[in-house]
C-alpha atoms as a PDB file:
ATOM      1  CA  UNK A   1       0.000   0.000   0.000  1.00  0.00           C
ATOM      2  CA  UNK A   2       1.360   3.422  -0.865  1.00  0.00           C
ATOM      3  CA  UNK A   3       0.333   6.799   0.406  1.00  0.00           C
ATOM      4  CA  UNK A   4       0.876   9.913  -1.733  1.00  0.00           C
ATOM      5  CA  UNK A   5       2.701  12.801  -0.069  1.00  0.00           C
ATOM      6  CA  UNK A   6       3.492  16.285  -1.328  1.00  0.00           C
ATOM      7  CA  UNK A   7       6.746  18.169  -0.923  1.00  0.00           C
ATOM      8  CA  UNK A   8       7.267  21.915  -0.905  1.00  0.00           C
ATOM      9  CA  UNK A   9       8.218  21.863  -4.617  1.00  0.00           C
ATOM     10  CA  UNK A  10       4.829  20.432  -5.566  1.00  0.00           C
ATOM     11  CA  UNK A  11       6.223  17.061  -6.601  1.00  0.00           C
ATOM     12  CA  UNK A  12       4.354  14.010  -5.491  1.00  0.00           C
ATOM     13  CA  UNK A  13       6.211  11.106  -3.833  1.00  0.00           C
ATOM     14  CA  UNK A  14       4.925   7.690  -2.865  1.00  0.00           C
ATOM     15  CA  UNK A  15       5.794   6.327   0.557  1.00  0.00           C
ATOM     16  CA  UNK A  16       5.517   2.615   1.259  1.00  0.00           C
ATOM     17  CA  UNK A  17       3.270   1.968   4.251  1.00  0.00           C
ATOM     18  CA  UNK A  18       3.151  -1.693   5.343  1.00  0.00           C
ATOM     19  CA  UNK A  19      -0.290  -3.168   5.982  1.00  0.00           C
ATOM     20  CA  UNK A  20      -1.339  -3.689   9.617  1.00  0.00           C
ATOM     21  CA  UNK A  21      -0.137  -6.984  11.095  1.00  0.00           C
ATOM     22  CA  UNK A  22      -3.667  -8.344  11.457  1.00  0.00           C
ATOM     23  CA  UNK A  23      -4.239  -7.867   7.698  1.00  0.00           C
ATOM     24  CA  UNK A  24      -1.497 -10.392   6.796  1.00  0.00           C
ATOM     25  CA  UNK A  25      -2.932 -13.873   6.286  1.00  0.00           C
ATOM     26  CA  UNK A  26      -1.329 -16.657   8.348  1.00  0.00           C
ATOM     27  CA  UNK A  27       0.610 -19.356   6.510  1.00  0.00           C
ATOM     28  CA  UNK A  28      -1.418 -22.442   5.658  1.00  0.00           C
ATOM     29  CA  UNK A  29      -0.728 -25.507   7.813  1.00  0.00           C
ATOM     30  CA  UNK A  30       2.099 -27.682   6.489  1.00  0.00           C
ATOM     31  CA  UNK A  31       1.024 -31.114   5.320  1.00  0.00           C
ATOM     32  CA  UNK A  32       3.257 -34.120   6.036  1.00  0.00           C
ATOM     33  CA  UNK A  33       5.470 -35.346   3.200  1.00  0.00           C
ATOM     34  CA  UNK A  34       4.103 -38.272   1.180  1.00  0.00           C
ATOM     35  CA  UNK A  35       5.699 -41.653   2.047  1.00  0.00           C
ATOM     36  CA  UNK A  36       7.728 -41.738  -1.184  1.00  0.00           C
ATOM     37  CA  UNK A  37       9.527 -38.532  -0.177  1.00  0.00           C
ATOM     38  CA  UNK A  38      10.171 -39.777   3.362  1.00  0.00           C
ATOM     39  CA  UNK A  39      11.707 -42.959   1.898  1.00  0.00           C
ATOM     40  CA  UNK A  40      13.839 -40.924  -0.505  1.00  0.00           C
ATOM     41  CA  UNK A  41      15.069 -38.657   2.315  1.00  0.00           C
ATOM     42  CA  UNK A  42      15.923 -41.719   4.419  1.00  0.00           C
ATOM     43  CA  UNK A  43      17.869 -43.255   1.503  1.00  0.00           C
ATOM     44  CA  UNK A  44      19.797 -40.011   0.918  1.00  0.00           C
ATOM     45  CA  UNK A  45      20.560 -39.681   4.639  1.00  0.00           C
ATOM     46  CA  UNK A  46      21.839 -43.282   4.764  1.00  0.00           C
ATOM     47  CA  UNK A  47      24.207 -42.470   1.882  1.00  0.00           C
ATOM     48  CA  UNK A  48      25.473 -39.291   3.585  1.00  0.00           C
ATOM     49  CA  UNK A  49      23.933 -36.882   1.074  1.00  0.00           C
ATOM     50  CA  UNK A  50      22.768 -33.351   1.762  1.00  0.00           C
ATOM     51  CA  UNK A  51      19.070 -33.147   2.598  1.00  0.00           C
ATOM     52  CA  UNK A  52      16.699 -30.257   1.837  1.00  0.00           C
ATOM     53  CA  UNK A  53      16.025 -28.131   4.900  1.00  0.00           C
ATOM     54  CA  UNK A  54      18.929 -29.575   6.906  1.00  0.00           C
ATOM     55  CA  UNK A  55      22.340 -28.087   7.540  1.00  0.00           C
ATOM     56  CA  UNK A  56      25.219 -29.568   5.556  1.00  0.00           C
ATOM     57  CA  UNK A  57      28.310 -29.802   7.823  1.00  0.00           C
ATOM     58  CA  UNK A  58      30.738 -29.915   4.880  1.00  0.00           C
ATOM     59  CA  UNK A  59      29.240 -26.783   3.289  1.00  0.00           C
ATOM     60  CA  UNK A  60      29.304 -25.016   6.676  1.00  0.00           C
ATOM     61  CA  UNK A  61      33.011 -25.869   7.022  1.00  0.00           C
ATOM     62  CA  UNK A  62      33.860 -24.803   3.451  1.00  0.00           C
ATOM     63  CA  UNK A  63      31.878 -21.548   3.636  1.00  0.00           C
ATOM     64  CA  UNK A  64      33.297 -20.515   7.043  1.00  0.00           C
ATOM     65  CA  UNK A  65      35.783 -17.618   7.117  1.00  0.00           C
ATOM     66  CA  UNK A  66      39.415 -18.694   6.752  1.00  0.00           C
ATOM     67  CA  UNK A  67      41.193 -18.819  10.109  1.00  0.00           C
ATOM     68  CA  UNK A  68      44.778 -19.403   9.019  1.00  0.00           C
ATOM     69  CA  UNK A  69      46.700 -22.664   8.775  1.00  0.00           C
ATOM     70  CA  UNK A  70      45.308 -25.707  10.480  1.00  0.00           C
ATOM     71  CA  UNK A  71      47.237 -26.167  13.760  1.00  0.00           C
ATOM     72  CA  UNK A  72      47.120 -29.955  13.350  1.00  0.00           C
ATOM     73  CA  UNK A  73      48.634 -30.080   9.861  1.00  0.00           C
ATOM     74  CA  UNK A  74      52.367 -30.116   9.231  1.00  0.00           C
ATOM     75  CA  UNK A  75      54.135 -27.087   7.827  1.00  0.00           C
ATOM     76  CA  UNK A  76      54.338 -26.907   4.024  1.00  0.00           C
ATOM     77  CA  UNK A  77      58.124 -26.618   4.068  1.00  0.00           C
ATOM     78  CA  UNK A  78      61.110 -25.725   6.203  1.00  0.00           C
ATOM     79  CA  UNK A  79      61.134 -22.355   7.993  1.00  0.00           C
ATOM     80  CA  UNK A  80      62.870 -19.547   6.175  1.00  0.00           C
ATOM     81  CA  UNK A  81      61.798 -20.777   2.741  1.00  0.00           C
ATOM     82  CA  UNK A  82      64.790 -23.079   2.248  1.00  0.00           C
ATOM     83  CA  UNK A  83      63.160 -25.341  -0.272  1.00  0.00           C
END
């Protein structure tokens, strides 16, 4: 919903005014997944695949900010660059 407003120059602007909270319809109730989808999700989970709507630990690790070298890994070469 927009409401017209007037400025001192005579131009007309439109200002977005959100509808009242009670005017927004509630989301419809979620129906359970059909059995074929539950079976498919179970099969994917058993094979270690990423599932819709669930966090993927590998993606979380890969997308995390870099924190420097891994303290448990060995150094890539001798100190001082003497390769």
